[in-house]
Every structure is written in C-alpha cells, then in structure tokens.
PDB file of N, CA and C in Angstrom:
ATOM      1  N   MET A   1     -11.925  -1.746  14.521  1.00  0.00           N
ATOM      2  CA  MET A   1     -13.079  -1.208  14.379  1.00  0.00           C
ATOM      3  C   MET A   1     -11.952   0.422  14.380  1.00  0.00           C
ATOM      4  N   LYS A   2     -12.207   1.574  13.445  1.00  0.00           N
ATOM      5  CA  LYS A   2     -11.547   2.664  13.178  1.00  0.00           C
ATOM      6  C   LYS A   2     -12.917   3.728  13.485  1.00  0.00           C
ATOM      7  N   HIS A   3     -12.214   4.620  13.522  1.00  0.00           N
ATOM      8  CA  HIS A   3     -12.852   5.961  14.187  1.00  0.00           C
ATOM      9  C   HIS A   3     -12.551   6.971  13.384  1.00  0.00           C
ATOM     10  N   VAL A   4     -13.548   7.621  12.816  1.00  0.00           N
ATOM     11  CA  VAL A   4     -13.593   8.908  11.689  1.00  0.00           C
ATOM     12  C   VAL A   4     -14.043  10.008  12.353  1.00  0.00           C
ATOM     13  N   ASN A   5     -13.814  11.141  12.155  1.00  0.00           N
ATOM     14  CA  ASN A   5     -13.835  12.455  12.824  1.00  0.00           C
ATOM     15  C   ASN A   5     -14.514  13.340  11.733  1.00  0.00           C
ATOM     16  N   LEU A   6     -15.951  13.404  11.372  1.00  0.00           N
ATOM     17  CA  LEU A   6     -16.211  13.454  10.222  1.00  0.00           C
ATOM     18  C   LEU A   6     -16.920  14.999  10.840  1.00  0.00           C
ATOM     19  N   ARG A   7     -16.615  15.912   9.711  1.00  0.00           N
ATOM     20  CA  ARG A   7     -17.171  17.542   9.750  1.00  0.00           C
ATOM     21  C   ARG A   7     -18.179  17.709   9.425  1.00  0.00           C
ATOM     22  N   LEU A   8     -19.645  18.545   9.663  1.00  0.00           N
ATOM     23  CA  LEU A   8     -20.641  18.205   8.810  1.00  0.00           C
ATOM     24  C   LEU A   8     -21.448  19.758   8.692  1.00  0.00           C
ATOM     25  N   PRO A   9     -21.589  19.869   7.581  1.00  0.00           N
ATOM     26  CA  PRO A   9     -22.058  21.307   8.219  1.00  0.00           C
ATOM     27  C   PRO A   9     -24.058  21.089   8.459  1.00  0.00           C
ATOM     28  N   ASP A  10     -24.257  22.264   9.447  1.00  0.00           N
ATOM     29  CA  ASP A  10     -25.249  22.070  10.324  1.00  0.00           C
ATOM     30  C   ASP A  10     -26.472  21.667   9.732  1.00  0.00           C
ATOM     31  N   ASP A  11     -26.514  21.994   8.035  1.00  0.00           N
ATOM     32  CA  ASP A  11     -27.988  21.981   7.801  1.00  0.00           C
ATOM     33  C   ASP A  11     -27.890  20.107   7.317  1.00  0.00           C
ATOM     34  N   LEU A  12     -26.525  19.943   6.709  1.00  0.00           N
ATOM     35  CA  LEU A  12     -26.457  18.429   6.568  1.00  0.00           C
ATOM     36  C   LEU A  12     -26.464  17.277   7.679  1.00  0.00           C
ATOM     37  N   HIS A  13     -25.850  18.109   8.924  1.00  0.00           N
ATOM     38  CA  HIS A  13     -26.422  17.178  10.177  1.00  0.00           C
ATOM     39  C   HIS A  13     -27.861  16.984  10.267  1.00  0.00           C
ATOM     40  N   GLU A  14     -28.453  18.085  10.514  1.00  0.00           N
ATOM     41  CA  GLU A  14     -29.628  18.094  10.742  1.00  0.00           C
ATOM     42  C   GLU A  14     -30.587  16.644   9.775  1.00  0.00           C
ATOM     43  N   GLN A  15     -30.043  17.503   8.541  1.00  0.00           N
ATOM     44  CA  GLN A  15     -30.915  15.884   7.206  1.00  0.00           C
ATOM     45  C   GLN A  15     -30.552  14.431   8.065  1.00  0.00           C
ATOM     46  N   ALA A  16     -29.173  14.365   8.049  1.00  0.00           N
ATOM     47  CA  ALA A  16     -28.880  13.051   8.279  1.00  0.00           C
ATOM     48  C   ALA A  16     -28.991  12.423   9.644  1.00  0.00           C
ATOM     49  N   VAL A  17     -29.571  13.535  10.967  1.00  0.00           N
ATOM     50  CA  VAL A  17     -30.000  12.880  12.003  1.00  0.00           C
ATOM     51  C   VAL A  17     -31.723  12.711  11.667  1.00  0.00           C
ATOM     52  N   ALA A  18     -31.879  13.461  10.743  1.00  0.00           N
ATOM     53  CA  ALA A  18     -33.342  12.758  10.457  1.00  0.00           C
ATOM     54  C   ALA A  18     -34.055  11.835  10.004  1.00  0.00           C
ATOM     55  N   ALA A  19     -33.322  11.506   8.644  1.00  0.00           N
ATOM     56  CA  ALA A  19     -32.963  10.502   8.228  1.00  0.00           C
ATOM     57  C   ALA A  19     -32.435   8.658   8.711  1.00  0.00           C
ATOM     58  N   ALA A  20     -31.561   9.273   9.810  1.00  0.00           N
ATOM     59  CA  ALA A  20     -31.294   8.279  10.784  1.00  0.00           C
ATOM     60  C   ALA A  20     -32.651   7.683  11.386  1.00  0.00           C
ATOM     61  N   ALA A  21     -32.752   8.973  12.170  1.00  0.00           N
ATOM     62  CA  ALA A  21     -34.234   8.405  13.142  1.00  0.00           C
ATOM     63  C   ALA A  21     -35.325   8.101  11.982  1.00  0.00           C
ATOM     64  N   ASP A  22     -35.651   8.583  10.942  1.00  0.00           N
ATOM     65  CA  ASP A  22     -36.745   7.870   9.855  1.00  0.00           C
ATOM     66  C   ASP A  22     -36.470   6.225   9.895  1.00  0.00           C
ATOM     67  N   ASP A  23     -35.212   6.078   9.461  1.00  0.00           N
ATOM     68  CA  ASP A  23     -35.060   4.486   9.709  1.00  0.00           C
ATOM     69  C   ASP A  23     -34.741   3.910  11.146  1.00  0.00           C
ATOM     70  N   ASP A  24     -34.907   4.392  12.073  1.00  0.00           N
ATOM     71  CA  ASP A  24     -34.891   3.776  13.449  1.00  0.00           C
ATOM     72  C   ASP A  24     -33.437   3.308  13.813  1.00  0.00           C
ATOM     73  N   ARG A  25     -32.435   4.164  12.817  1.00  0.00           N
ATOM     74  CA  ARG A  25     -31.438   3.793  13.692  1.00  0.00           C
ATOM     75  C   ARG A  25     -30.274   5.174  14.212  1.00  0.00           C
ATOM     76  N   SER A  26     -29.268   4.738  15.043  1.00  0.00           N
ATOM     77  CA  SER A  26     -28.448   6.042  15.017  1.00  0.00           C
ATOM     78  C   SER A  26     -27.735   6.443  14.166  1.00  0.00           C
ATOM     79  N   LEU A  27     -27.276   7.432  14.588  1.00  0.00           N
ATOM     80  CA  LEU A  27     -26.671   8.273  13.007  1.00  0.00           C
ATOM     81  C   LEU A  27     -25.487   7.610  12.804  1.00  0.00           C
ATOM     82  N   ASN A  28     -24.502   7.331  13.486  1.00  0.00           N
ATOM     83  CA  ASN A  28     -23.434   6.414  13.328  1.00  0.00           C
ATOM     84  C   ASN A  28     -24.003   4.750  12.409  1.00  0.00           C
ATOM     85  N   SER A  29     -25.109   4.415  12.708  1.00  0.00           N
ATOM     86  CA  SER A  29     -25.341   3.525  12.201  1.00  0.00           C
ATOM     87  C   SER A  29     -25.708   3.638  10.990  1.00  0.00           C
ATOM     88  N   TRP A  30     -26.316   4.867  10.692  1.00  0.00           N
ATOM     89  CA  TRP A  30     -26.983   5.034   9.567  1.00  0.00           C
ATOM     90  C   TRP A  30     -25.914   5.388   8.021  1.00  0.00           C
ATOM     91  N   LEU A  31     -24.895   6.589   9.047  1.00  0.00           N
ATOM     92  CA  LEU A  31     -23.773   6.446   8.207  1.00  0.00           C
ATOM     93  C   LEU A  31     -22.540   5.325   7.821  1.00  0.00           C
ATOM     94  N   VAL A  32     -22.698   4.436   8.710  1.00  0.00           N
ATOM     95  CA  VAL A  32     -22.019   3.317   7.959  1.00  0.00           C
ATOM     96  C   VAL A  32     -22.967   2.799   6.990  1.00  0.00           C
ATOM     97  N   ALA A  33     -24.196   2.315   7.170  1.00  0.00           N
ATOM     98  CA  ALA A  33     -24.890   1.738   5.989  1.00  0.00           C
ATOM     99  C   ALA A  33     -24.827   2.632   4.886  1.00  0.00           C
ATOM    100  N   VAL A  34     -24.709   4.171   4.637  1.00  0.00           N
ATOM    101  CA  VAL A  34     -24.527   4.869   3.595  1.00  0.00           C
ATOM    102  C   VAL A  34     -23.474   4.565   3.177  1.00  0.00           C
ATOM    103  N   VAL A  35     -22.262   4.514   3.670  1.00  0.00           N
ATOM    104  CA  VAL A  35     -20.545   4.166   3.227  1.00  0.00           C
ATOM    105  C   VAL A  35     -20.604   3.257   2.950  1.00  0.00           C
ATOM    106  N   ARG A  36     -21.125   1.760   3.373  1.00  0.00           N
ATOM    107  CA  ARG A  36     -21.308   0.372   2.833  1.00  0.00           C
ATOM    108  C   ARG A  36     -21.843   0.457   1.346  1.00  0.00           C
ATOM    109  N   ARG A  37     -22.490   0.940   1.235  1.00  0.00           N
ATOM    110  CA  ARG A  37     -23.604   0.560   0.437  1.00  0.00           C
ATOM    111  C   ARG A  37     -22.988   1.761  -0.795  1.00  0.00           C
ATOM    112  N   ALA A  38     -22.195   2.446  -0.719  1.00  0.00           N
ATOM    113  CA  ALA A  38     -21.324   3.534  -1.648  1.00  0.00           C
ATOM    114  C   ALA A  38     -20.392   3.025  -2.237  1.00  0.00           C
ATOM    115  N   VAL A  39     -19.522   1.874  -1.532  1.00  0.00           N
ATOM    116  CA  VAL A  39     -18.459   1.229  -1.868  1.00  0.00           C
ATOM    117  C   VAL A  39     -18.661  -0.001  -2.252  1.00  0.00           C
ATOM    118  N   THR A  40     -19.642  -0.879  -2.036  1.00  0.00           N
ATOM    119  CA  THR A  40     -20.161  -1.905  -2.362  1.00  0.00           C
ATOM    120  C   THR A  40     -20.508  -2.187  -3.792  1.00  0.00           C
ATOM    121  N   PRO A  41     -19.699  -2.469  -5.159  1.00  0.00           N
ATOM    122  CA  PRO A  41     -19.999  -3.322  -6.246  1.00  0.00           C
ATOM    123  C   PRO A  41     -21.330  -3.571  -6.001  1.00  0.00           C
ATOM    124  N   GLY A  42     -21.987  -2.721  -7.573  1.00  0.00           N
ATOM    125  CA  GLY A  42     -23.289  -3.378  -7.749  1.00  0.00           C
ATOM    126  C   GLY A  42     -24.104  -2.777  -6.922  1.00  0.00           C
ATOM    127  N   SER A  43     -24.134  -1.588  -6.120  1.00  0.00           N
ATOM    128  CA  SER A  43     -25.120  -0.818  -5.237  1.00  0.00           C
ATOM    129  C   SER A  43     -25.765   0.127  -6.347  1.00  0.00           C
ATOM    130  N   ALA A  44     -26.915   0.283  -5.727  1.00  0.00           N
ATOM    131  CA  ALA A  44     -28.104   0.890  -6.706  1.00  0.00           C
ATOM    132  C   ALA A  44     -27.083   2.542  -7.582  1.00  0.00           C
ATOM    133  N   GLN A  45     -26.151   3.040  -6.606  1.00  0.00           N
ATOM    134  CA  GLN A  45     -25.477   4.252  -7.135  1.00  0.00           C
ATOM    135  C   GLN A  45     -24.818   3.576  -8.421  1.00  0.00           C
ATOM    136  N   ASP A  46     -24.078   2.296  -8.469  1.00  0.00           N
ATOM    137  CA  ASP A  46     -23.378   2.470  -9.573  1.00  0.00           C
ATOM    138  C   ASP A  46     -24.208   1.757 -10.956  1.00  0.00           C
ATOM    139  N   ARG A  47     -24.920   1.478 -10.806  1.00  0.00           N
ATOM    140  CA  ARG A  47     -26.041   0.964 -11.596  1.00  0.00           C
ATOM    141  C   ARG A  47     -26.068   2.225 -12.757  1.00  0.00           C
ATOM    142  N   PRO A  48     -26.386   1.915 -14.692  1.00  0.00           N
ATOM    143  CA  PRO A  48     -25.554   2.731 -15.451  1.00  0.00           C
ATOM    144  C   PRO A  48     -27.387   3.811 -14.992  1.00  0.00           C
ATOM    145  N   GLY A  49     -27.337   4.709 -15.502  1.00  0.00           N
ATOM    146  CA  GLY A  49     -29.017   5.781 -15.129  1.00  0.00           C
ATOM    147  C   GLY A  49     -29.222   5.984 -13.944  1.00  0.00           C
ATOM    148  N   ASP A  50     -28.614   5.581 -12.878  1.00  0.00           N
ATOM    149  CA  ASP A  50     -28.901   5.917 -11.394  1.00  0.00           C
ATOM    150  C   ASP A  50     -28.419   6.733 -10.541  1.00  0.00           C
ATOM    151  N   GLY A  51     -28.181   8.261 -10.905  1.00  0.00           N
ATOM    152  CA  GLY A  51     -27.251   8.409 -10.261  1.00  0.00           C
ATOM    153  C   GLY A  51     -27.947   9.072  -8.957  1.00  0.00           C
ATOM    154  N   GLN A  52     -28.498   8.708  -8.560  1.00  0.00           N
ATOM    155  CA  GLN A  52     -28.819   9.033  -6.875  1.00  0.00           C
ATOM    156  C   GLN A  52     -29.050   7.976  -6.219  1.00  0.00           C
ATOM    157  N   ALA A  53     -28.626   7.610  -5.390  1.00  0.00           N
ATOM    158  CA  ALA A  53     -28.648   6.507  -3.994  1.00  0.00           C
ATOM    159  C   ALA A  53     -30.281   6.907  -2.994  1.00  0.00           C
ATOM    160  N   ALA A  54     -30.386   6.048  -2.521  1.00  0.00           N
ATOM    161  CA  ALA A  54     -32.116   6.049  -2.145  1.00  0.00           C
ATOM    162  C   ALA A  54     -31.653   7.191  -0.735  1.00  0.00           C
ATOM    163  N   ALA A  55     -32.313   8.161  -0.199  1.00  0.00           N
ATOM    164  CA  ALA A  55     -32.382   9.014   0.976  1.00  0.00           C
ATOM    165  C   ALA A  55     -32.229   7.972   2.245  1.00  0.00           C
ATOM    166  N   VAL A  56     -32.133   6.640   2.304  1.00  0.00           N
ATOM    167  CA  VAL A  56     -32.405   6.302   3.462  1.00  0.00           C
ATOM    168  C   VAL A  56     -32.260   4.820   2.981  1.00  0.00           C
ATOM    169  N   PRO A  57     -30.720   4.142   3.535  1.00  0.00           N
ATOM    170  CA  PRO A  57     -30.511   3.044   3.385  1.00  0.00           C
ATOM    171  C   PRO A  57     -31.222   1.739   4.056  1.00  0.00           C
ATOM    172  N   PRO A  58     -31.261   0.616   3.324  1.00  0.00           N
ATOM    173  CA  PRO A  58     -32.400  -0.395   3.668  1.00  0.00           C
ATOM    174  C   PRO A  58     -32.124  -0.968   5.245  1.00  0.00           C
ATOM    175  N   HIS A  59     -32.489  -1.575   5.982  1.00  0.00           N
ATOM    176  CA  HIS A  59     -32.239  -1.875   7.372  1.00  0.00           C
ATOM    177  C   HIS A  59     -31.128  -3.473   7.140  1.00  0.00           C
ATOM    178  N   GLY A  60     -30.172  -3.576   7.999  1.00  0.00           N
ATOM    179  CA  GLY A  60     -29.473  -4.509   8.156  1.00  0.00           C
ATOM    180  C   GLY A  60     -28.194  -4.396   7.252  1.00  0.00           C
ATOM    181  N   ASN A  61     -27.629  -2.957   7.209  1.00  0.00           N
ATOM    182  CA  ASN A  61     -26.513  -2.533   6.402  1.00  0.00           C
ATOM    183  C   ASN A  61     -25.276  -2.116   7.821  1.00  0.00           C
ATOM    184  N   GLY A  62     -25.907  -1.679   8.508  1.00  0.00           N
ATOM    185  CA  GLY A  62     -25.434  -0.631   9.742  1.00  0.00           C
ATOM    186  C   GLY A  62     -24.799  -1.794  10.801  1.00  0.00           C
ATOM    187  N   HIS A  63     -24.401  -1.302  11.941  1.00  0.00           N
ATOM    188  CA  HIS A  63     -24.398  -1.870  12.949  1.00  0.00           C
ATOM    189  C   HIS A  63     -25.210  -2.088  13.963  1.00  0.00           C
ATOM    190  N   SER A  64     -25.165  -2.217  15.120  1.00  0.00           N
ATOM    191  CA  SER A  64     -26.473  -2.173  15.844  1.00  0.00           C
ATOM    192  C   SER A  64     -27.726  -1.394  16.192  1.00  0.00           C
ATOM    193  N   ARG A  65     -28.378  -1.298  16.286  1.00  0.00           N
ATOM    194  CA  ARG A  65     -29.706  -0.402  16.172  1.00  0.00           C
ATOM    195  C   ARG A  65     -30.385   0.153  17.331  1.00  0.00           C
ATOM    196  N   ARG A  66     -30.513   1.301  17.272  1.00  0.00           N
ATOM    197  CA  ARG A  66     -31.014   2.317  18.787  1.00  0.00           C
ATOM    198  C   ARG A  66     -31.880   1.253  19.565  1.00  0.00           C
ATOM    199  N   PRO A  67     -31.639   1.205  20.996  1.00  0.00           N
ATOM    200  CA  PRO A  67     -32.739   0.290  21.621  1.00  0.00           C
ATOM    201  C   PRO A  67     -34.300   0.818  21.590  1.00  0.00           C
TER     202      PRO A  67
END
C-alpha cells in the first residue's frame, strides 16, 4: 500500500469529512472510494452526458469501515 500526502483547502476538507461521515466511512476510506471510482473505466463520470460524479461513493469501494 502506498501513502500519499494530500493537502486540501479547509472548506473542501470539511465537506469531505461530512460526506464520509454521511456514508459511515473514515475520510481515508471515502477518499479511496472516490479515487477508485474516478479511475475505473465505465464509472458514472465516464458516461457521456454525465459530468458529475455522485457526492458520496457507494459502499464497498473503500477499505475498512469505521467500527
């Protein structure tokens, strides 16, 4: 597994933390799911006419869930 340091503006960090909490995930798990969906061929954002990805990725695309 690789480690990445990611710097986010305060407002974006707050939004990501809230989205992760709404999806009952850690921020790391939520970000993994977002990146995985972004790089997976045939994902929602790759379809013609669909310029926006969903705000919260579906369950099962990240790593471990929070206890």
